[in-house]
Amino acid sequence: MVNASPTIGRVAGIDVQLHWSFILLMLFALILSTYLFAIFVLLFACVFLHELAHSITAKRYGIRVKKIVLYPLGGGSIIDLDNVPPKLEFRISLAGPVSSFLLAFVFGAAVVLLPGGMVKVFVQLLFVLNLLLAVFNILPWFPLDGGRVLRSYLQRKRSFLDATRSSVKVSNALVVLFIVGTLVYVALEPSYSFIYKEFVVLWDTFIAIFLYGAAKAELQSAYLKTYTSDLKASSAITKQYLMATPNTTLARLYSMVVDSKTHVVLFKDSGKYYIVSRLPYNSFGRIMEGYGAQPISKFSAELPLVKTTTTLFSVLERMQETNEGVVGVVRGSILVGVLLRQHVESVIALHMSSRDRNHKKA
């Protein structure tokens, strides 16, 4: 599958990706107006610095940062927050808005000192963008920083699930106030045209729906994380895979797969495990002519690994984020099995269903 977010570079050892929708939006803006395109470029810079603050703060505390992805409505730092104490999540979540406030202060001071002209106009725009970014993110709604700050604060005296429930209630209340405020604003503002007011209402409604849906997903995720905390990677492993050697040819691999009746093919090389993942198929689903004598090592990728004690929920989150279909499970440095995404989803779904039935009986 083609990556929907191509990597545009690395900063502080962190991959930075642009989501395809952001690229299309910028191209559309360039067609409409170079000034509008310049605004999006500045917004891109502000969002990137905001997300970089999250990522650098996480790295400072030894937390793994997978990547930064920039979307049309903002950005996301993909950080491994599993088992991170609430105190650290509070600091990481707060780092983004704080950085935006600081940038707004710097650009605001520059606006006062600069003479009139185009440079001042763009600096003023940077001031406004960073201020809006800071304020919008610090409000306690999900999935933005403010919701996570509130939840991590509440976790001082509550469980993760209870803190999430309370934070989602606050988030939904803010969404309602946001829509009411929008309707009041367009009703009381006489100078704007009906088309402009209609656009504002539709745009704010879109944002509200996004925030409400994200908060609902956050709550569902909290339920899953809490009620599957006893499920470890070792509870769902399968040994339905084939171990080959790096020099196994594709022609030989075919007969091995038919005999073993599995499509998961692994091999070990220089202490690392690999999975055969890029077979050269033609349009008829057959191995292209001339490739039969090629070794499988040319069509492989390093196998993602997790420990047997990793929670199954964390594994599923990782698979969803990286679009991985197979993950290896190791005890120490020894491979003890693999996890298939579909199987992991089924185990978690059955576990949740069993809990629901037991809860109803009680």
Protein backbone atom coordinates (compact mmCIF):
# COMPACT_ATOMS: atom_id res chain seq x y z
CA MET A 1 0.00 0.00 0.00
CA VAL A 2 1.31 3.44 -0.92
CA ASN A 3 2.07 5.59 2.08
CA ALA A 4 -0.66 8.24 2.41
CA SER A 5 1.82 10.51 4.15
CA PRO A 6 5.10 10.86 2.23
CA THR A 7 8.16 11.75 4.30
CA ILE A 8 9.56 15.21 3.47
CA GLY A 9 12.54 15.13 5.85
CA ARG A 10 13.91 14.42 9.31
CA VAL A 11 14.33 16.91 12.17
CA ALA A 12 16.03 15.94 15.44
CA GLY A 13 15.92 12.32 14.28
CA ILE A 14 12.12 12.45 13.72
CA ASP A 15 10.48 11.70 10.36
CA VAL A 16 8.23 14.54 9.17
CA GLN A 17 5.38 13.58 6.84
CA LEU A 18 2.80 15.53 4.85
CA HIS A 19 -0.59 13.86 4.54
CA TRP A 20 -1.77 13.66 0.93
CA SER A 21 -4.83 15.80 1.74
CA PHE A 22 -2.54 18.60 2.98
CA ILE A 23 -0.59 18.45 -0.29
CA LEU A 24 -3.80 18.66 -2.34
CA LEU A 25 -5.02 21.59 -0.24
CA MET A 26 -1.78 23.52 -0.79
CA LEU A 27 -1.89 22.86 -4.55
CA PHE A 28 -5.51 24.04 -4.64
CA ALA A 29 -4.55 27.19 -2.71
CA LEU A 30 -1.70 27.86 -5.14
CA ILE A 31 -4.13 27.65 -8.07
CA LEU A 32 -6.53 30.09 -6.41
CA SER A 33 -4.06 32.64 -5.05
CA THR A 34 -0.35 32.92 -4.30
CA TYR A 35 -1.28 34.93 -1.18
CA LEU A 36 -3.53 32.10 0.04
CA PHE A 37 -0.73 29.64 -0.70
CA ALA A 38 1.67 31.77 1.36
CA ILE A 39 -0.81 31.66 4.27
CA PHE A 40 -0.88 27.85 4.12
CA VAL A 41 2.92 27.70 4.01
CA LEU A 42 3.07 29.87 7.14
CA LEU A 43 0.39 27.73 8.79
CA PHE A 44 2.44 24.65 7.89
CA ALA A 45 5.48 26.20 9.62
CA CYS A 46 3.50 27.12 12.75
CA VAL A 47 1.89 23.68 13.06
CA PHE A 48 5.24 21.98 12.47
CA LEU A 49 6.94 23.97 15.26
CA HIS A 50 3.97 23.24 17.54
CA GLU A 51 4.27 19.48 16.92
CA LEU A 52 8.06 19.59 17.14
CA ALA A 53 7.73 20.98 20.68
CA HIS A 54 5.65 17.93 21.65
CA SER A 55 8.15 15.55 20.07
CA ILE A 56 11.30 17.11 21.51
CA THR A 57 9.74 17.19 24.98
CA ALA A 58 8.88 13.49 24.66
CA LYS A 59 12.40 12.61 23.48
CA ARG A 60 13.84 14.57 26.39
CA TYR A 61 12.15 12.11 28.76
CA GLY A 62 13.28 9.09 26.76
CA ILE A 63 9.91 8.46 25.10
CA ARG A 64 9.99 7.14 21.54
CA VAL A 65 8.66 9.52 18.87
CA LYS A 66 7.65 7.66 15.73
CA LYS A 67 6.94 10.58 13.40
CA ILE A 68 5.21 13.92 12.87
CA VAL A 69 2.32 14.01 10.38
CA LEU A 70 0.86 17.30 9.12
CA TYR A 71 -2.82 17.43 8.12
CA PRO A 72 -5.00 20.23 6.68
CA LEU A 73 -6.61 20.85 10.08
CA GLY A 74 -3.38 20.59 12.07
CA GLY A 75 -0.78 18.00 12.84
CA GLY A 76 -0.04 15.00 14.97
CA SER A 77 3.03 13.77 16.81
CA ILE A 78 2.93 9.99 16.82
CA ILE A 79 4.43 9.32 20.24
CA ASP A 80 4.65 6.01 22.10
CA LEU A 81 2.64 7.06 25.18
CA ASP A 82 1.82 3.54 26.34
CA ASN A 83 2.53 3.28 30.10
CA VAL A 84 3.70 6.92 30.23
CA PRO A 85 2.90 8.45 33.66
CA PRO A 86 0.18 11.17 33.64
CA LYS A 87 2.71 13.74 34.85
CA LEU A 88 4.82 13.25 31.73
CA GLU A 89 1.81 13.20 29.40
CA PHE A 90 0.75 16.51 30.99
CA ARG A 91 4.12 18.07 30.16
CA ILE A 92 4.25 16.65 26.64
CA SER A 93 0.70 17.79 25.84
CA LEU A 94 1.31 21.26 27.27
CA ALA A 95 4.56 21.77 25.34
CA GLY A 96 2.77 22.47 22.03
CA PRO A 97 0.46 25.30 23.19
CA VAL A 98 3.27 26.84 25.27
CA SER A 99 5.55 26.94 22.22
CA SER A 100 2.79 28.54 20.13
CA PHE A 101 2.17 31.18 22.83
CA LEU A 102 5.91 31.95 22.93
CA LEU A 103 6.08 32.27 19.14
CA ALA A 104 3.00 34.53 19.18
CA PHE A 105 4.72 36.74 21.77
CA VAL A 106 7.92 36.95 19.65
CA PHE A 107 6.05 37.79 16.45
CA GLY A 108 3.78 40.21 18.32
CA ALA A 109 6.82 42.09 19.62
CA ALA A 110 8.28 42.12 16.10
CA VAL A 111 5.06 43.62 14.70
CA VAL A 112 5.40 46.56 17.13
CA LEU A 113 9.04 47.17 16.13
CA LEU A 114 8.86 46.63 12.36
CA PRO A 115 8.01 49.47 9.95
CA GLY A 116 5.04 49.12 7.62
CA GLY A 117 5.32 46.92 4.55
CA MET A 118 4.87 43.38 3.28
CA VAL A 119 7.29 41.90 5.84
CA LYS A 120 5.24 43.38 8.67
CA VAL A 121 2.05 41.97 7.14
CA PHE A 122 3.46 38.43 7.11
CA VAL A 123 4.92 38.75 10.62
CA GLN A 124 1.53 39.96 11.83
CA LEU A 125 -0.05 36.96 10.15
CA LEU A 126 2.40 34.65 11.95
CA PHE A 127 1.45 36.33 15.24
CA VAL A 128 -2.26 35.70 14.60
CA LEU A 129 -1.76 32.10 13.41
CA ASN A 130 0.35 31.13 16.43
CA LEU A 131 -2.02 32.83 18.85
CA LEU A 132 -5.04 31.05 17.34
CA LEU A 133 -3.15 27.75 17.31
CA ALA A 134 -2.24 28.14 20.98
CA VAL A 135 -5.73 29.16 22.14
CA PHE A 136 -7.52 26.53 20.04
CA ASN A 137 -5.24 23.77 21.31
CA ILE A 138 -5.24 24.75 24.97
CA LEU A 139 -9.03 24.50 25.24
CA PRO A 140 -9.93 21.20 26.96
CA TRP A 141 -11.41 19.26 24.05
CA PHE A 142 -10.32 16.07 22.34
CA PRO A 143 -8.31 15.15 20.38
CA LEU A 144 -6.40 18.40 20.89
CA ASP A 145 -3.78 19.10 23.52
CA GLY A 146 -6.14 20.69 26.02
CA GLY A 147 -8.19 17.50 26.33
CA ARG A 148 -5.07 15.48 27.07
CA VAL A 149 -3.80 18.09 29.53
CA LEU A 150 -7.11 17.95 31.41
CA ARG A 151 -7.17 14.15 31.42
CA SER A 152 -3.61 13.81 32.67
CA TYR A 153 -4.38 16.38 35.40
CA LEU A 154 -7.49 14.45 36.49
CA GLN A 155 -5.50 11.20 36.56
CA ARG A 156 -3.76 12.41 39.69
CA LYS A 157 -6.80 11.24 41.69
CA ARG A 158 -8.76 9.16 39.17
CA SER A 159 -8.27 6.15 36.94
CA PHE A 160 -7.41 6.58 33.26
CA LEU A 161 -10.94 5.59 32.23
CA ASP A 162 -12.69 7.90 34.72
CA ALA A 163 -10.42 10.80 33.77
CA THR A 164 -11.18 10.17 30.09
CA ARG A 165 -14.93 10.07 30.75
CA SER A 166 -14.84 13.41 32.57
CA SER A 167 -12.61 15.01 29.93
CA VAL A 168 -14.89 13.84 27.12
CA LYS A 169 -17.91 15.35 28.88
CA VAL A 170 -16.09 18.69 29.11
CA SER A 171 -15.03 18.37 25.47
CA ASN A 172 -18.59 17.71 24.27
CA ALA A 173 -19.91 20.64 26.35
CA LEU A 174 -17.34 22.93 24.68
CA VAL A 175 -18.38 21.67 21.26
CA VAL A 176 -22.00 22.60 22.01
CA LEU A 177 -20.92 26.06 23.23
CA PHE A 178 -18.78 26.43 20.10
CA ILE A 179 -21.78 25.84 17.81
CA VAL A 180 -24.07 28.08 19.90
CA GLY A 181 -21.43 30.81 19.85
CA THR A 182 -21.12 30.51 16.07
CA LEU A 183 -24.88 30.84 15.58
CA VAL A 184 -25.05 33.85 17.90
CA TYR A 185 -22.10 35.46 16.11
CA VAL A 186 -23.58 35.17 12.60
CA ALA A 187 -27.00 36.28 13.86
CA LEU A 188 -25.71 39.44 15.53
CA GLU A 189 -23.10 40.45 12.92
CA PRO A 190 -24.89 42.65 10.33
CA SER A 191 -21.94 43.56 8.09
CA TYR A 192 -21.23 40.11 6.59
CA SER A 193 -23.07 38.65 3.59
CA PHE A 194 -25.40 35.66 3.86
CA ILE A 195 -22.96 33.50 1.85
CA TYR A 196 -20.10 34.32 4.24
CA LYS A 197 -22.27 33.54 7.28
CA GLU A 198 -23.36 30.28 5.69
CA PHE A 199 -19.72 29.35 5.09
CA VAL A 200 -18.79 30.13 8.72
CA VAL A 201 -21.65 27.99 10.04
CA LEU A 202 -20.83 25.06 7.74
CA TRP A 203 -17.10 25.23 8.51
CA ASP A 204 -17.60 25.44 12.28
CA THR A 205 -20.15 22.62 12.11
CA PHE A 206 -17.57 20.48 10.30
CA ILE A 207 -15.01 21.23 13.04
CA ALA A 208 -17.58 20.45 15.74
CA ILE A 209 -18.46 17.09 14.14
CA PHE A 210 -14.77 16.25 13.88
CA LEU A 211 -14.15 17.12 17.55
CA TYR A 212 -17.23 15.22 18.75
CA GLY A 213 -16.27 12.13 16.73
CA ALA A 214 -12.68 12.29 17.95
CA ALA A 215 -13.79 12.57 21.59
CA LYS A 216 -16.10 9.58 21.15
CA ALA A 217 -13.24 7.58 19.61
CA GLU A 218 -10.97 8.60 22.50
CA LEU A 219 -13.51 7.29 25.02
CA GLN A 220 -13.92 4.02 23.11
CA SER A 221 -10.14 3.67 23.04
CA ALA A 222 -9.99 4.25 26.81
CA TYR A 223 -12.57 1.48 27.38
CA LEU A 224 -10.57 -0.89 25.17
CA LYS A 225 -7.28 -0.02 26.84
CA THR A 226 -8.75 -0.50 30.33
CA TYR A 227 -10.72 -3.68 29.72
CA THR A 228 -7.99 -5.41 27.71
CA SER A 229 -5.11 -4.53 30.03
CA ASP A 230 -4.87 -8.20 31.05
CA LEU A 231 -4.43 -9.33 27.43
CA LYS A 232 -0.76 -9.63 26.45
CA ALA A 233 0.82 -10.27 23.08
CA SER A 234 1.58 -13.84 24.17
CA SER A 235 -2.16 -14.58 24.42
CA ALA A 236 -2.81 -14.19 20.69
CA ILE A 237 0.34 -15.46 18.99
CA THR A 238 0.21 -18.00 16.19
CA LYS A 239 2.92 -20.25 14.82
CA GLN A 240 1.30 -20.39 11.39
CA TYR A 241 4.30 -19.06 9.54
CA LEU A 242 7.10 -20.47 7.45
CA MET A 243 10.78 -20.05 8.31
CA ALA A 244 13.01 -19.99 5.25
CA THR A 245 16.59 -18.93 4.57
CA PRO A 246 17.73 -15.66 2.94
CA ASN A 247 18.94 -17.55 -0.15
CA THR A 248 15.68 -19.41 -0.76
CA THR A 249 14.57 -18.70 -4.33
CA LEU A 250 11.09 -17.53 -5.26
CA ALA A 251 10.59 -20.72 -7.27
CA ARG A 252 11.42 -22.85 -4.22
CA LEU A 253 9.32 -20.59 -2.00
CA TYR A 254 6.21 -21.35 -4.05
CA SER A 255 6.31 -25.08 -3.33
CA MET A 256 7.15 -24.42 0.35
CA VAL A 257 4.12 -22.13 0.76
CA VAL A 258 1.81 -24.64 -0.94
CA ASP A 259 3.05 -27.44 1.32
CA SER A 260 2.87 -25.40 4.55
CA LYS A 261 -0.47 -23.74 3.68
CA THR A 262 0.58 -20.34 5.08
CA HIS A 263 1.26 -16.99 3.43
CA VAL A 264 3.54 -15.63 6.18
CA VAL A 265 7.17 -16.27 5.23
CA LEU A 266 10.03 -15.26 7.52
CA PHE A 267 13.77 -15.68 7.62
CA LYS A 268 16.58 -14.69 9.95
CA ASP A 269 19.72 -12.90 8.82
CA SER A 270 22.52 -11.35 10.92
CA GLY A 271 20.44 -11.66 14.10
CA LYS A 272 17.39 -9.90 12.63
CA TYR A 273 14.07 -11.30 11.46
CA TYR A 274 12.63 -10.43 8.05
CA ILE A 275 9.30 -10.99 6.34
CA VAL A 276 8.81 -11.57 2.62
CA SER A 277 6.49 -8.73 1.67
CA ARG A 278 7.13 -7.45 -1.86
CA LEU A 279 6.75 -10.34 -4.28
CA PRO A 280 7.00 -9.24 -7.95
CA TYR A 281 3.49 -10.10 -9.11
CA ASN A 282 2.23 -9.27 -12.59
CA SER A 283 -1.30 -8.09 -13.41
CA PHE A 284 -2.53 -11.71 -13.37
CA GLY A 285 -1.33 -12.33 -9.81
CA ARG A 286 1.62 -14.47 -10.89
CA ILE A 287 5.34 -14.08 -10.20
CA MET A 288 6.80 -12.17 -13.14
CA GLU A 289 8.86 -14.20 -15.56
CA GLY A 290 12.58 -14.22 -14.84
CA TYR A 291 12.26 -13.73 -11.09
CA GLY A 292 12.02 -17.38 -10.07
CA ALA A 293 15.74 -17.71 -9.40
CA GLN A 294 15.90 -14.54 -7.29
CA PRO A 295 16.47 -14.97 -3.50
CA ILE A 296 13.63 -13.95 -1.20
CA SER A 297 15.96 -11.56 0.66
CA LYS A 298 15.48 -9.10 -2.22
CA PHE A 299 11.74 -8.97 -1.60
CA SER A 300 11.66 -8.61 2.17
CA ALA A 301 11.38 -6.03 4.96
CA GLU A 302 12.51 -6.16 8.57
CA LEU A 303 9.84 -7.79 10.74
CA PRO A 304 8.38 -5.45 13.40
CA LEU A 305 8.86 -6.97 16.85
CA VAL A 306 7.10 -6.68 20.21
CA LYS A 307 7.71 -8.38 23.53
CA THR A 308 5.47 -11.14 24.87
CA THR A 309 4.48 -8.83 27.76
CA THR A 310 3.31 -5.98 25.50
CA THR A 311 -0.44 -5.39 25.84
CA LEU A 312 -2.51 -6.55 22.91
CA PHE A 313 -4.19 -3.14 22.76
CA SER A 314 -0.79 -1.47 22.24
CA VAL A 315 0.02 -3.92 19.47
CA LEU A 316 -3.25 -3.18 17.70
CA GLU A 317 -2.67 0.57 17.99
CA ARG A 318 0.76 0.14 16.45
CA MET A 319 -0.60 -1.98 13.61
CA GLN A 320 -3.27 0.61 12.84
CA GLU A 321 -0.80 3.51 12.90
CA THR A 322 1.76 1.85 10.64
CA ASN A 323 -0.59 -0.33 8.59
CA GLU A 324 1.30 -3.47 9.63
CA GLY A 325 -0.43 -6.79 9.00
CA VAL A 326 2.09 -9.01 10.80
CA VAL A 327 4.18 -8.41 13.92
CA GLY A 328 6.70 -10.78 15.43
CA VAL A 329 6.60 -11.62 19.15
CA VAL A 330 9.90 -12.21 20.94
CA ARG A 331 10.93 -13.46 24.35
CA GLY A 332 14.36 -11.95 24.83
CA SER A 333 15.83 -12.25 21.34
CA ILE A 334 13.97 -15.45 20.39
CA LEU A 335 10.96 -15.34 18.08
CA VAL A 336 8.11 -17.28 19.71
CA GLY A 337 5.36 -16.50 17.22
CA VAL A 338 3.63 -13.83 15.16
CA LEU A 339 0.53 -11.69 15.55
CA LEU A 340 -1.82 -11.25 12.60
CA ARG A 341 -3.82 -8.04 12.66
CA GLN A 342 -7.14 -9.69 11.84
CA HIS A 343 -6.61 -12.26 14.57
CA VAL A 344 -5.65 -9.58 17.12
CA GLU A 345 -8.83 -7.62 16.29
CA SER A 346 -10.92 -10.78 16.70
CA VAL A 347 -9.37 -11.68 20.07
CA ILE A 348 -9.96 -8.17 21.42
CA ALA A 349 -13.54 -8.07 20.09
CA LEU A 350 -14.36 -11.47 21.63
CA HIS A 351 -12.76 -10.44 24.93
CA MET A 352 -14.85 -7.25 25.08
CA SER A 353 -18.00 -9.18 24.16
CA SER A 354 -17.31 -11.70 26.93
CA ARG A 355 -16.85 -8.88 29.45
CA ASP A 356 -20.15 -7.30 28.38
CA ARG A 357 -22.02 -10.60 28.81
CA ASN A 358 -20.49 -11.21 32.24
CA HIS A 359 -21.30 -7.64 33.28
CA LYS A 360 -24.98 -8.06 32.24
CA LYS A 361 -25.26 -11.34 34.14
CA ALA A 362 -23.84 -9.70 37.26
